[in-house]
Amino acid sequence: MGSLLLAVIYLIFVSLGLPDSLLGSGWPRMQVSFGVPSSYAGYVSMTITGMTIVSALFSPKIISKVHTKWIVIVSIFMTVLGLLGFSFSKEYWMLFLIAIPYGLGAGAIDASVNHYVANHYSGSAMSFLHCFYGVGAVISPYIMSLALRKAGWEEGYRWTAFLQIAILMICIISLPLWGKTERTEDVEEINDSAGIRESIKLPGVVLTLIAFFSYCSGEATCGVWTPSYFAGTGYQLSDERIASFGSLIFGGLMLGRFISGFVSNKLGDKRMIRAGIAVELVGIAMVMLQSSHYVIAAIGFVVIGTGMGPVYPSIQHMAPINFGKRYSASVIGLQMSAAYVGSTFMPLLFGILQQKIGITIMPVYLLIFAVMNIVLLELAYMKLRT
């Protein structure tokens, strides 16, 4: 039963990834439809992730009072509402209202399932979990690309919502699996979890939070702006091809996490992070080449995603080990909040910068956050050893 439940958890993370790459893939066409500047994608992204921060901050209390299975059901239902709402939006301002349930659903499910897996499964399982997030994030740009070719961007959101509904039905059917597992959990340990104020004072926590902020700043910027990068660098590509390039970073993430799923138990979380960031830097260098052919840049974004792949799950998996199970729920909630702050504001900041300077600054922007990520994590390791 434990293996069957893990399969359902992997499917849940497919559903978590599905909405995340739709905005970036559809925005070049959505921008024209709404009649707004290209930088306005950042405001919508900021609203979605802002709501995610709120739900992530409340996740420790929610986890201690509500079974993970019910958090999952409600969260997926809220993302379905968000996707359908986007598909029926006729004015730009409507996106901001619909972004509220869209973002709240993502934060609750992300923090609760990450906490569950970090405390009950190996680092390999955590890597595979986030690999399946990449599966969802890779699928949706192709859904959007097909929708742009056959109908319109609205159908891209609608078709993705239908896929989410199918996953929701599977999760409802699988509810008895969660019941059998949760009866064996140490309920007292969950109820005795430390609060956020207590957890943030632990050595190394703040540095880890800023590192997580840096990582997600880079990942979210790629997720929102990669299609726009190819639209704005003179490669003369079709709208459908540009939309499909929203999958590049997520395809890399999926590949990186798939590989780390096989080797993370052997190498350990710290080595996986160091190797991943080294690969990410290679990908950034490829995009910096500014080749006359778009293929080099496309491969570069895949390499960036591959390098990023192990970083997120490895940091999450280390939380119970570095800070103890009593603090893990709060630390993971804080990490998710820091991550979403980066995801909220840094794509927006990039949108403003690229409008003033040009989209070609993207690899430099990514380089800054990659360096911040590794430096801060190394400083956190030093704090934890003292």
Protein backbone atom coordinates (compact mmCIF):
# COMPACT_ATOMS: atom_id res chain seq x y z
CA MET A 1 0.00 0.00 0.00
CA GLY A 2 2.91 2.34 0.73
CA SER A 3 4.19 2.04 -2.86
CA LEU A 4 0.71 2.68 -4.27
CA LEU A 5 0.36 5.78 -2.09
CA LEU A 6 3.76 7.02 -3.29
CA ALA A 7 2.54 6.66 -6.89
CA VAL A 8 -0.48 8.80 -6.03
CA ILE A 9 1.81 11.39 -4.40
CA TYR A 10 3.86 11.50 -7.60
CA LEU A 11 0.67 12.13 -9.58
CA ILE A 12 -0.20 14.95 -7.16
CA PHE A 13 3.07 16.63 -8.07
CA VAL A 14 2.26 16.24 -11.77
CA SER A 15 -0.89 18.26 -11.00
CA LEU A 16 1.20 20.82 -9.09
CA GLY A 17 3.45 21.36 -12.11
CA LEU A 18 0.69 21.61 -14.71
CA PRO A 19 -0.37 25.24 -14.05
CA ASP A 20 3.12 26.65 -13.47
CA SER A 21 4.32 26.93 -17.08
CA LEU A 22 1.03 27.98 -18.69
CA LEU A 23 1.41 31.72 -18.08
CA GLY A 24 4.88 31.87 -19.62
CA SER A 25 3.83 29.76 -22.61
CA GLY A 26 0.63 31.62 -23.33
CA TRP A 27 1.73 35.16 -22.45
CA PRO A 28 3.08 36.29 -25.86
CA ARG A 29 -0.44 35.69 -27.27
CA MET A 30 -2.31 36.69 -24.08
CA GLN A 31 -0.45 40.02 -24.02
CA VAL A 32 -1.84 40.85 -27.46
CA SER A 33 -5.32 39.66 -26.50
CA PHE A 34 -5.46 41.88 -23.41
CA GLY A 35 -3.61 44.79 -25.04
CA VAL A 36 -1.01 45.20 -22.27
CA PRO A 37 2.83 45.51 -22.24
CA SER A 38 4.96 42.36 -22.02
CA SER A 39 6.09 43.21 -18.46
CA TYR A 40 2.51 42.77 -17.17
CA ALA A 41 3.01 39.01 -16.97
CA GLY A 42 5.09 39.72 -13.90
CA TYR A 43 2.16 41.32 -12.05
CA VAL A 44 -0.04 38.28 -12.63
CA SER A 45 2.77 35.94 -11.60
CA MET A 46 3.36 38.07 -8.49
CA THR A 47 -0.29 37.79 -7.46
CA ILE A 48 -0.35 34.00 -7.88
CA THR A 49 2.82 33.46 -5.90
CA GLY A 50 1.81 36.08 -3.33
CA MET A 51 -1.21 33.95 -2.47
CA THR A 52 1.07 30.92 -2.39
CA ILE A 53 3.26 32.65 0.22
CA VAL A 54 0.20 33.17 2.42
CA SER A 55 -0.81 29.50 2.28
CA ALA A 56 2.79 28.33 2.80
CA LEU A 57 3.13 30.49 5.94
CA PHE A 58 -0.02 28.96 7.40
CA SER A 59 0.98 25.44 6.33
CA PRO A 60 2.59 24.38 9.67
CA LYS A 61 -0.69 25.05 11.53
CA ILE A 62 -2.73 23.44 8.77
CA ILE A 63 -0.51 20.34 8.71
CA SER A 64 -0.89 19.92 12.49
CA LYS A 65 -4.69 20.10 12.33
CA VAL A 66 -5.71 18.69 8.94
CA HIS A 67 -4.79 15.38 7.33
CA THR A 68 -2.51 15.73 4.31
CA LYS A 69 -5.06 13.96 2.09
CA TRP A 70 -7.69 16.68 2.67
CA ILE A 71 -5.17 19.44 2.02
CA VAL A 72 -4.43 17.74 -1.30
CA ILE A 73 -8.10 17.45 -2.33
CA VAL A 74 -9.00 21.05 -1.48
CA SER A 75 -5.81 22.43 -3.05
CA ILE A 76 -6.26 20.66 -6.39
CA PHE A 77 -9.89 21.79 -6.48
CA MET A 78 -8.76 25.40 -5.99
CA THR A 79 -6.25 25.16 -8.85
CA VAL A 80 -9.02 23.79 -11.09
CA LEU A 81 -11.07 26.88 -10.25
CA GLY A 82 -8.08 29.07 -11.07
CA LEU A 83 -7.41 27.42 -14.44
CA LEU A 84 -11.06 27.60 -15.50
CA GLY A 85 -11.23 31.21 -14.31
CA PHE A 86 -8.24 32.17 -16.46
CA SER A 87 -9.82 30.47 -19.47
CA PHE A 88 -12.95 32.63 -19.19
CA SER A 89 -11.17 35.93 -18.50
CA LYS A 90 -11.99 38.66 -21.00
CA GLU A 91 -10.13 41.53 -19.31
CA TYR A 92 -6.61 41.72 -17.85
CA TRP A 93 -7.83 42.79 -14.40
CA MET A 94 -9.90 39.61 -14.07
CA LEU A 95 -6.70 37.55 -13.87
CA PHE A 96 -5.88 39.13 -10.51
CA LEU A 97 -9.13 37.95 -8.90
CA ILE A 98 -8.75 34.43 -10.23
CA ALA A 99 -5.09 34.31 -9.14
CA ILE A 100 -6.25 34.17 -5.49
CA PRO A 101 -7.55 30.55 -5.43
CA TYR A 102 -4.95 29.65 -8.06
CA GLY A 103 -2.08 30.59 -5.71
CA LEU A 104 -3.61 29.52 -2.40
CA GLY A 105 -4.09 25.97 -3.68
CA ALA A 106 -0.49 25.62 -4.85
CA GLY A 107 1.16 26.73 -1.58
CA ALA A 108 -0.81 24.44 0.73
CA ILE A 109 -0.28 21.29 -1.31
CA ASP A 110 3.41 22.03 -1.94
CA ALA A 111 4.34 22.51 1.73
CA SER A 112 2.22 19.66 3.09
CA VAL A 113 3.33 17.00 0.61
CA ASN A 114 7.00 18.08 0.82
CA HIS A 115 6.82 17.77 4.61
CA TYR A 116 5.16 14.35 4.35
CA VAL A 117 7.75 12.96 1.91
CA ALA A 118 10.75 14.52 3.72
CA ASN A 119 9.73 12.75 6.93
CA HIS A 120 8.62 9.40 5.48
CA TYR A 121 10.73 8.71 2.38
CA SER A 122 14.34 8.81 1.17
CA GLY A 123 16.17 11.56 -0.71
CA SER A 124 15.71 9.49 -3.86
CA ALA A 125 11.93 9.53 -3.41
CA MET A 126 12.05 13.30 -2.88
CA SER A 127 14.00 13.78 -6.13
CA PHE A 128 11.56 11.62 -8.07
CA LEU A 129 8.69 13.55 -6.47
CA HIS A 130 9.98 16.81 -7.91
CA CYS A 131 10.78 15.07 -11.18
CA PHE A 132 7.06 14.47 -11.56
CA TYR A 133 6.47 18.17 -10.91
CA GLY A 134 8.62 18.66 -14.00
CA VAL A 135 6.46 16.19 -15.93
CA GLY A 136 3.41 18.36 -15.29
CA ALA A 137 5.26 21.57 -16.10
CA VAL A 138 6.55 20.07 -19.38
CA ILE A 139 3.13 18.82 -20.49
CA SER A 140 1.26 22.11 -20.16
CA PRO A 141 3.36 24.19 -22.65
CA TYR A 142 2.57 21.56 -25.28
CA ILE A 143 -1.09 21.75 -24.33
CA MET A 144 -0.88 25.53 -24.78
CA SER A 145 1.01 25.17 -28.05
CA LEU A 146 -1.69 22.82 -29.39
CA ALA A 147 -4.41 25.19 -28.19
CA LEU A 148 -2.78 28.16 -29.94
CA ARG A 149 -2.64 26.15 -33.15
CA LYS A 150 -6.21 24.81 -32.96
CA ALA A 151 -8.21 27.38 -30.96
CA GLY A 152 -6.74 30.00 -28.59
CA TRP A 153 -4.85 30.48 -25.35
CA GLU A 154 -8.15 30.19 -23.42
CA GLU A 155 -8.45 26.56 -24.49
CA GLY A 156 -4.92 25.88 -23.22
CA TYR A 157 -6.06 26.76 -19.70
CA ARG A 158 -9.37 24.91 -20.14
CA TRP A 159 -7.80 21.67 -21.38
CA THR A 160 -5.29 21.76 -18.51
CA ALA A 161 -8.19 22.21 -16.07
CA PHE A 162 -9.86 19.08 -17.46
CA LEU A 163 -6.63 17.14 -16.89
CA GLN A 164 -6.50 18.47 -13.31
CA ILE A 165 -10.08 17.30 -12.75
CA ALA A 166 -9.07 13.78 -13.82
CA ILE A 167 -6.18 13.83 -11.31
CA LEU A 168 -8.54 15.12 -8.62
CA MET A 169 -10.87 12.16 -9.23
CA ILE A 170 -7.96 9.73 -8.84
CA CYS A 171 -6.95 11.42 -5.56
CA ILE A 172 -10.49 11.12 -4.22
CA ILE A 173 -10.59 7.42 -5.11
CA SER A 174 -7.22 6.92 -3.34
CA LEU A 175 -8.34 8.49 -0.03
CA PRO A 176 -8.44 5.09 1.80
CA LEU A 177 -4.69 4.67 1.12
CA TRP A 178 -3.93 7.81 3.12
CA GLY A 179 -6.08 6.57 5.99
CA LYS A 180 -4.10 3.34 6.34
CA THR A 181 -0.80 5.19 6.31
CA GLU A 182 -1.76 8.00 8.65
CA ARG A 183 -2.84 5.59 11.39
CA THR A 184 0.81 4.59 11.70
CA GLU A 185 2.14 8.15 11.94
CA ASP A 186 3.45 9.55 15.15
CA VAL A 187 0.61 12.00 15.79
CA GLU A 188 2.19 13.34 18.97
CA GLU A 189 5.29 14.34 17.02
CA ILE A 190 3.20 16.34 14.55
CA ASN A 191 1.24 18.07 17.32
CA ASP A 192 4.49 18.92 19.12
CA SER A 193 5.95 20.69 16.07
CA ALA A 194 7.75 23.96 16.76
CA GLY A 195 6.33 27.26 15.55
CA ILE A 196 7.78 29.60 12.94
CA ARG A 197 9.18 32.12 15.47
CA GLU A 198 11.07 29.38 17.30
CA SER A 199 12.32 27.71 14.13
CA ILE A 200 13.66 30.83 12.42
CA LYS A 201 16.15 31.33 15.29
CA LEU A 202 17.93 28.03 14.59
CA PRO A 203 21.51 28.35 13.23
CA GLY A 204 21.59 28.25 9.44
CA VAL A 205 17.85 28.68 8.88
CA VAL A 206 17.96 32.29 7.66
CA LEU A 207 20.85 31.57 5.27
CA THR A 208 18.96 28.59 3.91
CA LEU A 209 15.88 30.74 3.39
CA ILE A 210 17.80 33.36 1.39
CA ALA A 211 19.45 30.59 -0.64
CA PHE A 212 16.03 29.13 -1.40
CA PHE A 213 14.84 32.61 -2.37
CA SER A 214 17.76 32.86 -4.81
CA TYR A 215 17.11 29.44 -6.32
CA CYS A 216 13.41 30.08 -6.94
CA SER A 217 14.12 33.57 -8.29
CA GLY A 218 16.11 31.96 -11.09
CA GLU A 219 13.69 29.09 -11.70
CA ALA A 220 10.57 31.31 -11.74
CA THR A 221 12.22 33.87 -14.03
CA CYS A 222 12.96 31.08 -16.50
CA GLY A 223 9.43 29.70 -16.14
CA VAL A 224 7.78 33.04 -16.94
CA TRP A 225 10.22 34.61 -19.41
CA THR A 226 11.90 31.84 -21.46
CA PRO A 227 9.29 31.99 -24.28
CA SER A 228 9.51 35.79 -24.28
CA TYR A 229 13.33 35.49 -24.53
CA PHE A 230 12.96 33.66 -27.83
CA ALA A 231 10.24 36.06 -28.97
CA GLY A 232 12.45 39.08 -28.27
CA THR A 233 15.87 38.00 -29.54
CA GLY A 234 15.15 38.09 -33.28
CA TYR A 235 14.95 34.37 -34.03
CA GLN A 236 11.72 34.82 -36.08
CA LEU A 237 9.91 31.82 -34.64
CA SER A 238 6.18 31.02 -34.81
CA ASP A 239 3.91 31.66 -31.83
CA GLU A 240 3.39 27.92 -31.44
CA ARG A 241 7.14 27.21 -31.36
CA ILE A 242 7.72 30.03 -28.88
CA ALA A 243 4.93 28.70 -26.61
CA SER A 244 6.41 25.20 -26.68
CA PHE A 245 9.74 26.63 -25.46
CA GLY A 246 8.04 27.21 -22.12
CA SER A 247 8.80 23.52 -21.54
CA LEU A 248 12.59 23.87 -21.93
CA ILE A 249 13.40 24.80 -18.34
CA PHE A 250 10.86 22.33 -16.96
CA GLY A 251 12.11 19.54 -19.21
CA GLY A 252 15.56 20.19 -17.78
CA LEU A 253 14.20 20.16 -14.24
CA MET A 254 12.49 16.85 -14.92
CA LEU A 255 15.69 15.36 -16.36
CA GLY A 256 17.87 16.64 -13.51
CA ARG A 257 15.52 15.26 -10.87
CA PHE A 258 15.12 11.96 -12.68
CA ILE A 259 18.90 11.47 -12.70
CA SER A 260 19.29 12.60 -9.09
CA GLY A 261 16.59 10.11 -8.07
CA PHE A 262 19.00 7.32 -8.94
CA VAL A 263 22.15 8.80 -7.39
CA SER A 264 21.06 11.10 -4.54
CA ASN A 265 21.06 8.37 -1.87
CA LYS A 266 24.63 7.53 -2.80
CA LEU A 267 26.01 11.07 -3.23
CA GLY A 268 23.97 12.86 -0.57
CA ASP A 269 22.07 16.13 -0.68
CA LYS A 270 25.04 18.51 -0.43
CA ARG A 271 26.95 16.94 -3.32
CA MET A 272 23.82 16.88 -5.45
CA ILE A 273 23.32 20.62 -4.88
CA ARG A 274 26.96 21.46 -5.71
CA ALA A 275 26.93 19.35 -8.88
CA GLY A 276 23.58 20.78 -9.92
CA ILE A 277 24.64 24.41 -9.63
CA ALA A 278 27.84 23.64 -11.57
CA VAL A 279 25.73 22.26 -14.43
CA GLU A 280 23.40 25.27 -14.20
CA LEU A 281 26.37 27.61 -14.69
CA VAL A 282 27.33 25.73 -17.86
CA GLY A 283 23.81 26.24 -19.21
CA ILE A 284 23.88 29.95 -18.40
CA ALA A 285 27.19 30.25 -20.29
CA MET A 286 25.56 28.60 -23.34
CA VAL A 287 22.71 31.13 -23.36
CA MET A 288 25.25 33.96 -22.97
CA LEU A 289 26.90 32.94 -26.25
CA GLN A 290 24.09 34.74 -28.13
CA SER A 291 24.44 32.34 -31.05
CA SER A 292 22.84 33.21 -34.38
CA HIS A 293 20.85 29.95 -34.18
CA TYR A 294 18.20 29.47 -31.53
CA VAL A 295 19.10 25.79 -30.92
CA ILE A 296 22.18 26.68 -28.82
CA ALA A 297 20.11 28.89 -26.52
CA ALA A 298 17.33 26.26 -26.35
CA ILE A 299 19.82 23.59 -25.29
CA GLY A 300 21.27 26.07 -22.79
CA PHE A 301 17.91 26.48 -21.07
CA VAL A 302 17.50 22.70 -20.88
CA VAL A 303 20.97 22.46 -19.28
CA ILE A 304 20.07 25.25 -16.82
CA GLY A 305 16.96 23.32 -15.80
CA THR A 306 18.92 20.07 -15.50
CA GLY A 307 21.35 21.75 -13.12
CA MET A 308 18.57 23.34 -11.11
CA GLY A 309 16.81 19.97 -10.85
CA PRO A 310 18.45 18.50 -7.71
CA VAL A 311 18.64 21.78 -5.75
CA TYR A 312 15.02 22.21 -4.63
CA PRO A 313 14.33 18.62 -3.48
CA SER A 314 17.74 18.30 -1.82
CA ILE A 315 17.26 21.45 0.29
CA GLN A 316 13.79 20.26 1.31
CA HIS A 317 14.97 16.75 2.16
CA MET A 318 17.76 18.10 4.39
CA ALA A 319 15.30 19.99 6.63
CA PRO A 320 14.53 17.14 9.09
CA ILE A 321 18.21 16.08 9.07
CA ASN A 322 19.65 19.57 9.61
CA PHE A 323 17.04 20.96 11.99
CA GLY A 324 15.25 17.94 13.47
CA LYS A 325 11.75 16.55 12.89
CA ARG A 326 10.26 18.83 15.54
CA TYR A 327 11.22 21.85 13.45
CA SER A 328 10.88 20.37 9.96
CA ALA A 329 7.26 21.41 9.27
CA SER A 330 7.94 25.04 10.22
CA VAL A 331 11.31 25.16 8.45
CA ILE A 332 9.80 23.71 5.26
CA GLY A 333 6.93 26.20 5.52
CA LEU A 334 9.45 29.03 5.87
CA GLN A 335 11.49 27.68 2.97
CA MET A 336 8.38 27.56 0.80
CA SER A 337 7.53 31.14 1.77
CA ALA A 338 11.05 32.34 0.95
CA ALA A 339 10.90 30.44 -2.32
CA TYR A 340 7.63 32.07 -3.27
CA VAL A 341 8.90 35.54 -2.37
CA GLY A 342 11.60 34.96 -4.99
CA SER A 343 9.03 33.55 -7.42
CA THR A 344 6.76 36.53 -6.79
CA PHE A 345 9.02 39.53 -7.09
CA MET A 346 12.05 38.51 -9.13
CA PRO A 347 10.22 37.65 -12.39
CA LEU A 348 8.40 40.97 -11.97
CA LEU A 349 11.70 42.82 -11.47
CA PHE A 350 13.13 41.07 -14.52
CA GLY A 351 10.08 42.11 -16.56
CA ILE A 352 10.74 45.75 -15.70
CA LEU A 353 14.49 45.44 -16.41
CA GLN A 354 14.05 43.69 -19.75
CA GLN A 355 11.59 46.34 -20.88
CA LYS A 356 14.17 49.05 -20.16
CA ILE A 357 17.42 47.23 -21.05
CA GLY A 358 16.41 44.32 -23.27
CA ILE A 359 15.56 40.64 -22.90
CA THR A 360 19.21 39.67 -23.58
CA ILE A 361 20.11 40.48 -19.95
CA MET A 362 18.36 37.25 -18.90
CA PRO A 363 21.48 35.02 -18.56
CA VAL A 364 23.27 37.67 -16.45
CA TYR A 365 20.22 37.90 -14.21
CA LEU A 366 20.21 34.11 -13.78
CA LEU A 367 23.95 34.06 -13.06
CA ILE A 368 23.55 36.44 -10.11
CA PHE A 369 21.03 34.16 -8.41
CA ALA A 370 22.98 30.96 -9.12
CA VAL A 371 26.07 32.41 -7.41
CA MET A 372 24.00 33.67 -4.46
CA ASN A 373 22.43 30.23 -4.10
CA ILE A 374 25.65 28.24 -3.76
CA VAL A 375 27.48 30.83 -1.61
CA LEU A 376 24.64 31.11 0.91
CA LEU A 377 24.18 27.34 1.15
CA GLU A 378 27.89 26.84 1.83
CA LEU A 379 27.71 29.48 4.57
CA ALA A 380 24.68 27.67 6.04
CA TYR A 381 26.61 24.38 6.13
CA MET A 382 29.38 26.14 8.07
CA LYS A 383 26.84 27.44 10.59
CA LEU A 384 25.36 23.98 11.05
CA ARG A 385 28.79 22.49 11.80
CA THR A 386 29.54 25.02 14.56
